[in-house]
PDB file of N, CA and C in Angstrom:
ATOM      1  N   MET A   1     103.200  83.574 126.656  1.00  0.00           N
ATOM      2  CA  MET A   1     103.843  82.650 127.567  1.00  0.00           C
ATOM      3  C   MET A   1     103.954  83.310 128.939  1.00  0.00           C
ATOM      4  N   ALA A   2     103.573  82.587 129.958  1.00  0.00           N
ATOM      5  CA  ALA A   2     103.609  83.102 131.322  1.00  0.00           C
ATOM      6  C   ALA A   2     105.029  83.061 131.874  1.00  0.00           C
ATOM      7  N   ASN A   3     105.296  83.963 132.777  1.00  0.00           N
ATOM      8  CA  ASN A   3     106.594  84.029 133.425  1.00  0.00           C
ATOM      9  C   ASN A   3     106.702  82.881 134.436  1.00  0.00           C
ATOM     10  N   GLN A   4     107.524  81.893 134.128  1.00  0.00           N
ATOM     11  CA  GLN A   4     107.660  80.707 134.979  1.00  0.00           C
ATOM     12  C   GLN A   4     108.247  81.050 136.346  1.00  0.00           C
ATOM     13  N   LEU A   5     109.183  81.994 136.384  1.00  0.00           N
ATOM     14  CA  LEU A   5     109.776  82.376 137.666  1.00  0.00           C
ATOM     15  C   LEU A   5     108.746  83.055 138.563  1.00  0.00           C
ATOM     16  N   PHE A   6     107.880  83.841 137.968  1.00  0.00           N
ATOM     17  CA  PHE A   6     106.812  84.493 138.719  1.00  0.00           C
ATOM     18  C   PHE A   6     105.865  83.440 139.298  1.00  0.00           C
ATOM     19  N   GLN A   7     105.487  82.480 138.472  1.00  0.00           N
ATOM     20  CA  GLN A   7     104.593  81.418 138.938  1.00  0.00           C
ATOM     21  C   GLN A   7     105.242  80.608 140.057  1.00  0.00           C
ATOM     22  N   LYS A   8     106.533  80.325 139.918  1.00  0.00           N
ATOM     23  CA  LYS A   8     107.253  79.573 140.942  1.00  0.00           C
ATOM     24  C   LYS A   8     107.287  80.353 142.257  1.00  0.00           C
ATOM     25  N   ALA A   9     107.477  81.653 142.176  1.00  0.00           N
ATOM     26  CA  ALA A   9     107.481  82.487 143.380  1.00  0.00           C
ATOM     27  C   ALA A   9     106.128  82.416 144.085  1.00  0.00           C
ATOM     28  N   ARG A  10     105.062  82.513 143.320  1.00  0.00           N
ATOM     29  CA  ARG A  10     103.720  82.407 143.913  1.00  0.00           C
ATOM     30  C   ARG A  10     103.520  81.062 144.593  1.00  0.00           C
ATOM     31  N   GLU A  11     103.967  80.006 143.938  1.00  0.00           N
ATOM     32  CA  GLU A  11     103.825  78.664 144.497  1.00  0.00           C
ATOM     33  C   GLU A  11     104.618  78.505 145.791  1.00  0.00           C
ATOM     34  N   THR A  12     105.853  78.990 145.794  1.00  0.00           N
ATOM     35  CA  THR A  12     106.692  78.802 146.980  1.00  0.00           C
ATOM     36  C   THR A  12     106.196  79.623 148.164  1.00  0.00           C
ATOM     37  N   VAL A  13     105.633  80.805 147.909  1.00  0.00           N
ATOM     38  CA  VAL A  13     105.053  81.593 148.994  1.00  0.00           C
ATOM     39  C   VAL A  13     103.822  80.866 149.545  1.00  0.00           C
ATOM     40  N   ALA A  14     103.031  80.281 148.683  1.00  0.00           N
ATOM     41  CA  ALA A  14     101.859  79.522 149.128  1.00  0.00           C
ATOM     42  C   ALA A  14     102.284  78.335 149.991  1.00  0.00           C
ATOM     43  N   ILE A  15     103.349  77.666 149.611  1.00  0.00           N
ATOM     44  CA  ILE A  15     103.858  76.535 150.402  1.00  0.00           C
ATOM     45  C   ILE A  15     104.329  77.023 151.770  1.00  0.00           C
ATOM     46  N   ALA A  16     105.022  78.159 151.800  1.00  0.00           N
ATOM     47  CA  ALA A  16     105.484  78.723 153.074  1.00  0.00           C
ATOM     48  C   ALA A  16     104.301  79.081 153.970  1.00  0.00           C
ATOM     49  N   LYS A  17     103.243  79.627 153.371  1.00  0.00           N
ATOM     50  CA  LYS A  17     102.046  79.964 154.137  1.00  0.00           C
ATOM     51  C   LYS A  17     101.402  78.708 154.711  1.00  0.00           C
ATOM     52  N   GLN A  18     101.336  77.647 153.909  1.00  0.00           N
ATOM     53  CA  GLN A  18     100.775  76.381 154.392  1.00  0.00           C
ATOM     54  C   GLN A  18     101.605  75.820 155.533  1.00  0.00           C
ATOM     55  N   ALA A  19     102.912  75.871 155.380  1.00  0.00           N
ATOM     56  CA  ALA A  19     103.804  75.353 156.420  1.00  0.00           C
ATOM     57  C   ALA A  19     103.641  76.148 157.712  1.00  0.00           C
ATOM     58  N   SER A  20     103.496  77.456 157.603  1.00  0.00           N
ATOM     59  CA  SER A  20     103.358  78.284 158.804  1.00  0.00           C
ATOM     60  C   SER A  20     102.029  78.044 159.515  1.00  0.00           C
ATOM     61  N   ASN A  21     101.028  77.584 158.772  1.00  0.00           N
ATOM     62  CA  ASN A  21      99.723  77.278 159.352  1.00  0.00           C
ATOM     63  C   ASN A  21      99.628  75.837 159.836  1.00  0.00           C
ATOM     64  N   GLY A  22     100.708  75.073 159.678  1.00  0.00           N
ATOM     65  CA  GLY A  22     100.711  73.683 160.105  1.00  0.00           C
ATOM     66  C   GLY A  22     100.022  72.751 159.131  1.00  0.00           C
ATOM     67  N   ASN A  23      99.772  73.213 157.912  1.00  0.00           N
ATOM     68  CA  ASN A  23      99.078  72.402 156.911  1.00  0.00           C
ATOM     69  C   ASN A  23     100.028  71.690 155.963  1.00  0.00           C
ATOM     70  N   SER A  24     101.282  71.606 156.347  1.00  0.00           N
ATOM     71  CA  SER A  24     102.284  70.966 155.507  1.00  0.00           C
ATOM     72  C   SER A  24     103.372  70.401 156.399  1.00  0.00           C
ATOM     73  N   SER A  25     103.992  69.337 155.950  1.00  0.00           N
ATOM     74  CA  SER A  25     105.092  68.755 156.723  1.00  0.00           C
ATOM     75  C   SER A  25     106.416  69.454 156.431  1.00  0.00           C
ATOM     76  N   THR A  26     106.380  70.442 155.554  1.00  0.00           N
ATOM     77  CA  THR A  26     107.573  71.186 155.180  1.00  0.00           C
ATOM     78  C   THR A  26     108.019  72.068 156.343  1.00  0.00           C
ATOM     79  N   ASP A  27     109.332  72.143 156.575  1.00  0.00           N
ATOM     80  CA  ASP A  27     109.886  73.022 157.592  1.00  0.00           C
ATOM     81  C   ASP A  27     109.624  74.475 157.203  1.00  0.00           C
ATOM     82  N   VAL A  28     109.077  75.245 158.129  1.00  0.00           N
ATOM     83  CA  VAL A  28     108.697  76.621 157.843  1.00  0.00           C
ATOM     84  C   VAL A  28     109.901  77.456 157.414  1.00  0.00           C
ATOM     85  N   ASN A  29     111.003  77.367 158.152  1.00  0.00           N
ATOM     86  CA  ASN A  29     112.176  78.177 157.825  1.00  0.00           C
ATOM     87  C   ASN A  29     112.747  77.816 156.458  1.00  0.00           C
ATOM     88  N   GLN A  30     112.749  76.545 156.148  1.00  0.00           N
ATOM     89  CA  GLN A  30     113.234  76.115 154.838  1.00  0.00           C
ATOM     90  C   GLN A  30     112.302  76.627 153.735  1.00  0.00           C
ATOM     91  N   ALA A  31     111.016  76.547 153.972  1.00  0.00           N
ATOM     92  CA  ALA A  31     110.042  77.020 152.990  1.00  0.00           C
ATOM     93  C   ALA A  31     110.185  78.526 152.764  1.00  0.00           C
ATOM     94  N   ILE A  32     110.446  79.263 153.830  1.00  0.00           N
ATOM     95  CA  ILE A  32     110.644  80.709 153.715  1.00  0.00           C
ATOM     96  C   ILE A  32     111.895  81.014 152.900  1.00  0.00           C
ATOM     97  N   ASP A  33     112.975  80.289 153.174  1.00  0.00           N
ATOM     98  CA  ASP A  33     114.218  80.502 152.423  1.00  0.00           C
ATOM     99  C   ASP A  33     114.026  80.225 150.937  1.00  0.00           C
ATOM    100  N   ILE A  34     113.332  79.155 150.614  1.00  0.00           N
ATOM    101  CA  ILE A  34     113.071  78.800 149.222  1.00  0.00           C
ATOM    102  C   ILE A  34     112.215  79.887 148.555  1.00  0.00           C
ATOM    103  N   ALA A  35     111.212  80.362 149.272  1.00  0.00           N
ATOM    104  CA  ALA A  35     110.341  81.405 148.729  1.00  0.00           C
ATOM    105  C   ALA A  35     111.105  82.709 148.507  1.00  0.00           C
ATOM    106  N   LYS A  36     111.995  83.051 149.441  1.00  0.00           N
ATOM    107  CA  LYS A  36     112.809  84.266 149.276  1.00  0.00           C
ATOM    108  C   LYS A  36     113.651  84.184 148.005  1.00  0.00           C
ATOM    109  N   ASN A  37     114.283  83.043 147.792  1.00  0.00           N
ATOM    110  CA  ASN A  37     115.096  82.862 146.588  1.00  0.00           C
ATOM    111  C   ASN A  37     114.250  82.956 145.328  1.00  0.00           C
ATOM    112  N   ALA A  38     113.085  82.349 145.366  1.00  0.00           N
ATOM    113  CA  ALA A  38     112.197  82.380 144.197  1.00  0.00           C
ATOM    114  C   ALA A  38     111.719  83.802 143.918  1.00  0.00           C
ATOM    115  N   LEU A  39     111.394  84.544 144.974  1.00  0.00           N
ATOM    116  CA  LEU A  39     110.963  85.930 144.793  1.00  0.00           C
ATOM    117  C   LEU A  39     112.080  86.779 144.195  1.00  0.00           C
ATOM    118  N   SER A  40     113.280  86.574 144.667  1.00  0.00           N
ATOM    119  CA  SER A  40     114.421  87.334 144.168  1.00  0.00           C
ATOM    120  C   SER A  40     114.652  87.063 142.680  1.00  0.00           C
ATOM    121  N   SER A  41     114.625  85.803 142.312  1.00  0.00           N
ATOM    122  CA  SER A  41     114.818  85.435 140.910  1.00  0.00           C
ATOM    123  C   SER A  41     113.703  85.988 140.034  1.00  0.00           C
ATOM    124  N   ALA A  42     112.495  85.892 140.519  1.00  0.00           N
ATOM    125  CA  ALA A  42     111.354  86.355 139.735  1.00  0.00           C
ATOM    126  C   ALA A  42     111.378  87.868 139.569  1.00  0.00           C
ATOM    127  N   TYR A  43     111.754  88.572 140.617  1.00  0.00           N
ATOM    128  CA  TYR A  43     111.740  90.034 140.567  1.00  0.00           C
ATOM    129  C   TYR A  43     112.675  90.563 139.481  1.00  0.00           C
ATOM    130  N   ALA A  44     113.826  89.947 139.382  1.00  0.00           N
ATOM    131  CA  ALA A  44     114.822  90.400 138.409  1.00  0.00           C
ATOM    132  C   ALA A  44     114.387  90.156 136.967  1.00  0.00           C
ATOM    133  N   ASN A  45     113.437  89.275 136.783  1.00  0.00           N
ATOM    134  CA  ASN A  45     113.026  88.889 135.426  1.00  0.00           C
ATOM    135  C   ASN A  45     111.538  89.104 135.181  1.00  0.00           C
ATOM    136  N   SER A  46     110.974  90.155 135.772  1.00  0.00           N
ATOM    137  CA  SER A  46     109.535  90.344 135.643  1.00  0.00           C
ATOM    138  C   SER A  46     109.192  91.748 135.153  1.00  0.00           C
ATOM    139  N   THR A  47     107.955  91.883 134.756  1.00  0.00           N
ATOM    140  CA  THR A  47     107.452  93.184 134.311  1.00  0.00           C
ATOM    141  C   THR A  47     107.161  94.051 135.537  1.00  0.00           C
ATOM    142  N   VAL A  48     106.884  95.312 135.300  1.00  0.00           N
ATOM    143  CA  VAL A  48     106.558  96.227 136.401  1.00  0.00           C
ATOM    144  C   VAL A  48     105.309  95.744 137.145  1.00  0.00           C
ATOM    145  N   ALA A  49     104.318  95.292 136.417  1.00  0.00           N
ATOM    146  CA  ALA A  49     103.086  94.792 137.040  1.00  0.00           C
ATOM    147  C   ALA A  49     103.367  93.556 137.888  1.00  0.00           C
ATOM    148  N   GLU A  50     104.190  92.664 137.377  1.00  0.00           N
ATOM    149  CA  GLU A  50     104.548  91.470 138.140  1.00  0.00           C
ATOM    150  C   GLU A  50     105.356  91.850 139.373  1.00  0.00           C
ATOM    151  N   GLN A  51     106.235  92.830 139.245  1.00  0.00           N
ATOM    152  CA  GLN A  51     107.032  93.277 140.388  1.00  0.00           C
ATOM    153  C   GLN A  51     106.138  93.797 141.513  1.00  0.00           C
ATOM    154  N   GLU A  52     105.082  94.482 141.140  1.00  0.00           N
ATOM    155  CA  GLU A  52     104.139  94.976 142.150  1.00  0.00           C
ATOM    156  C   GLU A  52     103.492  93.805 142.892  1.00  0.00           C
ATOM    157  N   GLN A  53     103.097  92.781 142.149  1.00  0.00           N
ATOM    158  CA  GLN A  53     102.496  91.593 142.763  1.00  0.00           C
ATOM    159  C   GLN A  53     103.523  90.848 143.609  1.00  0.00           C
ATOM    160  N   LEU A  54     104.764  90.827 143.167  1.00  0.00           N
ATOM    161  CA  LEU A  54     105.818  90.165 143.936  1.00  0.00           C
ATOM    162  C   LEU A  54     106.070  90.893 145.251  1.00  0.00           C
ATOM    163  N   ARG A  55     105.930  92.209 145.262  1.00  0.00           N
ATOM    164  CA  ARG A  55     106.083  92.957 146.510  1.00  0.00           C
ATOM    165  C   ARG A  55     104.996  92.559 147.507  1.00  0.00           C
ATOM    166  N   VAL A  56     103.792  92.318 147.014  1.00  0.00           N
ATOM    167  CA  VAL A  56     102.704  91.857 147.883  1.00  0.00           C
ATOM    168  C   VAL A  56     103.048  90.484 148.450  1.00  0.00           C
ATOM    169  N   LEU A  57     103.561  89.607 147.610  1.00  0.00           N
ATOM    170  CA  LEU A  57     103.972  88.278 148.079  1.00  0.00           C
ATOM    171  C   LEU A  57     105.096  88.387 149.104  1.00  0.00           C
ATOM    172  N   GLN A  58     106.020  89.316 148.879  1.00  0.00           N
ATOM    173  CA  GLN A  58     107.112  89.529 149.831  1.00  0.00           C
ATOM    174  C   GLN A  58     106.554  89.995 151.175  1.00  0.00           C
ATOM    175  N   ASP A  59     105.568  90.864 151.153  1.00  0.00           N
ATOM    176  CA  ASP A  59     104.931  91.320 152.389  1.00  0.00           C
ATOM    177  C   ASP A  59     104.290  90.145 153.131  1.00  0.00           C
ATOM    178  N   GLU A  60     103.635  89.262 152.391  1.00  0.00           N
ATOM    179  CA  GLU A  60     103.027  88.078 153.007  1.00  0.00           C
ATOM    180  C   GLU A  60     104.107  87.207 153.643  1.00  0.00           C
ATOM    181  N   LEU A  61     105.211  87.055 152.952  1.00  0.00           N
ATOM    182  CA  LEU A  61     106.318  86.244 153.464  1.00  0.00           C
ATOM    183  C   LEU A  61     106.900  86.900 154.727  1.00  0.00           C
ATOM    184  N   ASP A  62     107.018  88.205 154.719  1.00  0.00           N
ATOM    185  CA  ASP A  62     107.524  88.926 155.900  1.00  0.00           C
ATOM    186  C   ASP A  62     106.607  88.720 157.099  1.00  0.00           C
ATOM    187  N   GLN A  63     105.295  88.688 156.861  1.00  0.00           N
ATOM    188  CA  GLN A  63     104.343  88.455 157.947  1.00  0.00           C
ATOM    189  C   GLN A  63     104.503  87.058 158.520  1.00  0.00           C
ATOM    190  N   ILE A  64     104.735  86.084 157.659  1.00  0.00           N
ATOM    191  CA  ILE A  64     104.954  84.712 158.122  1.00  0.00           C
ATOM    192  C   ILE A  64     106.205  84.655 158.988  1.00  0.00           C
ATOM    193  N   GLN A  65     107.236  85.306 158.519  1.00  0.00           N
ATOM    194  CA  GLN A  65     108.533  85.262 159.187  1.00  0.00           C
ATOM    195  C   GLN A  65     108.483  85.966 160.542  1.00  0.00           C
ATOM    196  N   SER A  66     107.644  86.962 160.702  1.00  0.00           N
ATOM    197  CA  SER A  66     107.586  87.713 161.954  1.00  0.00           C
ATOM    198  C   SER A  66     106.733  87.051 163.014  1.00  0.00           C
ATOM    199  N   ARG A  67     106.106  85.950 162.682  1.00  0.00           N
ATOM    200  CA  ARG A  67     105.261  85.238 163.661  1.00  0.00           C
ATOM    201  C   ARG A  67     106.096  84.574 164.719  1.00  0.00           C
TER     202      ARG A  67
END
């Protein structure tokens, strides 16, 4: 069974990336906040390998936020 929180974190970061590129009607700041919450929840309930991937997603989110 796949980690649902991990999958949700990946999805929300992708939505934030789309919003930052203007490819979504979603508010960028709201999308970032949702992704941050999803990453936090996923990190606490993931394997070491998943945590490493979540750190990469967090870096992507940080890049979006610094634009």
